[in-house]
Amino acid sequence: MANRNQRIALFKHIKQYAKTKNIYLDFINGHSDHVHALISLSCDQNIAQIAKLLKGESSNWANKNNIFGTDDFEWADSYYAVSVSCSQVEAVRNYIKNQETHHQKNTFEQECDAFISQFGFASRLGEPLA
């Protein structure tokens, strides 16, 4: 993704689109190469369905409206999702809100690898960490 104003336009659109699909998107923000979204799923929704809807429609919208100065914007095929306890929702909102500050110190990949290692999640390749 390009500059901050372009990202904000995309995030606003995603939030509006989510509302039309009855997706409760609590908070969204990102940095140059990734997006974080805090979403509450209803009983008839699943992560794969939500990711497909939001990624597919938003890339079509961005290309149709030439948001990034090109017509070939697309999301990566993969995504990463974790659940959040109610007691941590505000901390997650603050983390998402402060993406630019977070990534002055570490890249998204460095931060993601540290998170995966700290909590013992599977690696990006789907293999358990040693």
Protein backbone atom coordinates (compact mmCIF):
# COMPACT_ATOMS: atom_id res chain seq x y z
CA MET A 1 0.00 0.00 0.00
CA ALA A 2 1.07 3.52 -0.59
CA ASN A 3 0.62 6.64 1.49
CA ARG A 4 -1.38 7.22 4.64
CA ASN A 5 -4.29 9.03 2.92
CA GLN A 6 -4.74 6.16 0.47
CA ARG A 7 -4.74 3.64 3.32
CA ILE A 8 -7.30 5.71 5.26
CA ALA A 9 -9.60 5.82 2.22
CA LEU A 10 -9.33 2.04 1.89
CA PHE A 11 -9.95 1.44 5.60
CA LYS A 12 -13.01 3.72 5.59
CA HIS A 13 -14.39 1.84 2.61
CA ILE A 14 -13.77 -1.55 4.23
CA LYS A 15 -15.54 -0.41 7.39
CA GLN A 16 -18.55 0.85 5.39
CA TYR A 17 -18.70 -2.32 3.31
CA ALA A 18 -18.46 -4.50 6.41
CA LYS A 19 -21.52 -2.76 7.82
CA THR A 20 -23.54 -3.60 4.69
CA LYS A 21 -22.65 -7.28 5.17
CA ASN A 22 -23.49 -7.29 8.90
CA ILE A 23 -19.83 -7.72 9.82
CA TYR A 24 -18.98 -5.99 13.07
CA LEU A 25 -15.62 -4.41 12.29
CA ASP A 26 -14.67 -2.71 15.55
CA PHE A 27 -11.37 -1.19 14.44
CA ILE A 28 -9.13 -1.23 11.36
CA ASN A 29 -5.72 0.24 10.62
CA GLY A 30 -2.46 -0.82 9.10
CA HIS A 31 0.91 0.15 7.81
CA SER A 32 2.63 0.01 4.44
CA ASP A 33 2.37 -3.75 3.92
CA HIS A 34 -0.41 -5.07 6.15
CA VAL A 35 -3.78 -4.41 7.78
CA HIS A 36 -5.11 -5.24 11.24
CA ALA A 37 -8.83 -5.54 11.84
CA LEU A 38 -10.62 -6.20 15.12
CA ILE A 39 -13.79 -8.07 14.18
CA SER A 40 -16.52 -9.67 16.24
CA LEU A 41 -18.02 -12.70 14.51
CA SER A 42 -21.66 -13.61 14.83
CA CYS A 43 -22.69 -17.25 15.15
CA ASP A 44 -23.30 -17.60 11.41
CA GLN A 45 -19.94 -16.13 10.31
CA ASN A 46 -16.47 -17.62 10.09
CA ILE A 47 -13.01 -16.15 9.62
CA ALA A 48 -12.47 -17.48 6.09
CA GLN A 49 -15.81 -16.08 4.92
CA ILE A 50 -15.14 -12.65 6.40
CA ALA A 51 -11.57 -12.48 5.02
CA LYS A 52 -12.78 -13.45 1.55
CA LEU A 53 -15.56 -10.86 1.57
CA LEU A 54 -13.47 -7.97 2.87
CA LYS A 55 -10.35 -8.67 0.83
CA GLY A 56 -12.16 -9.42 -2.41
CA GLU A 57 -14.54 -6.51 -2.43
CA SER A 58 -11.99 -3.97 -1.19
CA SER A 59 -9.40 -4.88 -3.84
CA ASN A 60 -12.08 -4.56 -6.54
CA TRP A 61 -13.12 -1.18 -5.12
CA ALA A 62 -9.51 0.06 -4.87
CA ASN A 63 -8.81 -0.92 -8.48
CA LYS A 64 -12.10 0.46 -9.82
CA ASN A 65 -11.43 3.78 -8.08
CA ASN A 66 -7.70 3.81 -8.85
CA ILE A 67 -6.94 4.41 -5.16
CA PHE A 68 -3.31 3.38 -5.45
CA GLY A 69 -2.65 4.81 -8.91
CA THR A 70 -2.81 1.38 -10.48
CA ASP A 71 -5.47 -1.13 -11.40
CA ASP A 72 -3.67 -4.22 -10.18
CA PHE A 73 -3.90 -3.90 -6.38
CA GLU A 74 -4.49 -7.23 -4.70
CA TRP A 75 -4.22 -8.67 -1.22
CA ALA A 76 -1.93 -11.54 -0.33
CA ASP A 77 -3.65 -14.93 -0.43
CA SER A 78 -2.91 -15.57 3.24
CA TYR A 79 -4.07 -13.95 6.45
CA TYR A 80 -3.50 -14.51 10.15
CA ALA A 81 -6.27 -14.56 12.74
CA VAL A 82 -6.30 -14.97 16.51
CA SER A 83 -9.03 -14.61 19.10
CA VAL A 84 -8.94 -11.91 21.75
CA SER A 85 -10.35 -12.14 25.26
CA CYS A 86 -12.74 -9.41 26.35
CA SER A 87 -10.20 -8.15 28.88
CA GLN A 88 -7.70 -7.45 26.05
CA VAL A 89 -9.96 -5.73 23.52
CA GLU A 90 -8.87 -2.21 24.49
CA ALA A 91 -5.18 -3.19 24.34
CA VAL A 92 -5.74 -4.64 20.86
CA ARG A 93 -7.53 -1.47 19.72
CA ASN A 94 -4.58 0.59 20.93
CA TYR A 95 -2.12 -1.72 19.19
CA ILE A 96 -4.04 -1.41 15.93
CA LYS A 97 -4.41 2.36 16.34
CA ASN A 98 -0.64 2.85 16.76
CA GLN A 99 0.68 0.89 13.78
CA GLU A 100 2.97 3.64 12.49
CA THR A 101 4.68 3.92 15.87
CA HIS A 102 5.02 0.14 16.28
CA HIS A 103 6.70 -0.24 12.92
CA GLN A 104 9.32 2.43 13.45
CA LYS A 105 11.14 -0.19 15.55
CA ASN A 106 10.34 -3.50 13.87
CA THR A 107 8.96 -4.61 10.54
CA PHE A 108 5.63 -6.39 10.47
CA GLU A 109 7.42 -9.65 9.69
CA GLN A 110 9.73 -9.27 12.72
CA GLU A 111 6.80 -8.46 14.97
CA CYS A 112 4.71 -11.33 13.61
CA ASP A 113 7.57 -13.82 14.07
CA ALA A 114 8.06 -12.66 17.67
CA PHE A 115 4.32 -12.99 18.35
CA ILE A 116 4.22 -16.50 16.87
CA SER A 117 7.26 -17.52 18.89
CA GLN A 118 6.05 -15.93 22.14
CA PHE A 119 2.68 -17.66 22.07
CA GLY A 120 3.76 -20.93 20.44
CA PHE A 121 1.52 -20.65 17.38
CA ALA A 122 2.21 -22.51 14.15
CA SER A 123 4.61 -20.90 11.73
CA ARG A 124 3.39 -19.24 8.55
CA LEU A 125 4.05 -22.48 6.71
CA GLY A 126 1.64 -24.30 8.97
CA GLU A 127 4.35 -26.21 10.81
CA PRO A 128 4.65 -26.14 14.59
CA LEU A 129 7.56 -24.13 15.92
CA ALA A 130 10.42 -26.17 17.39
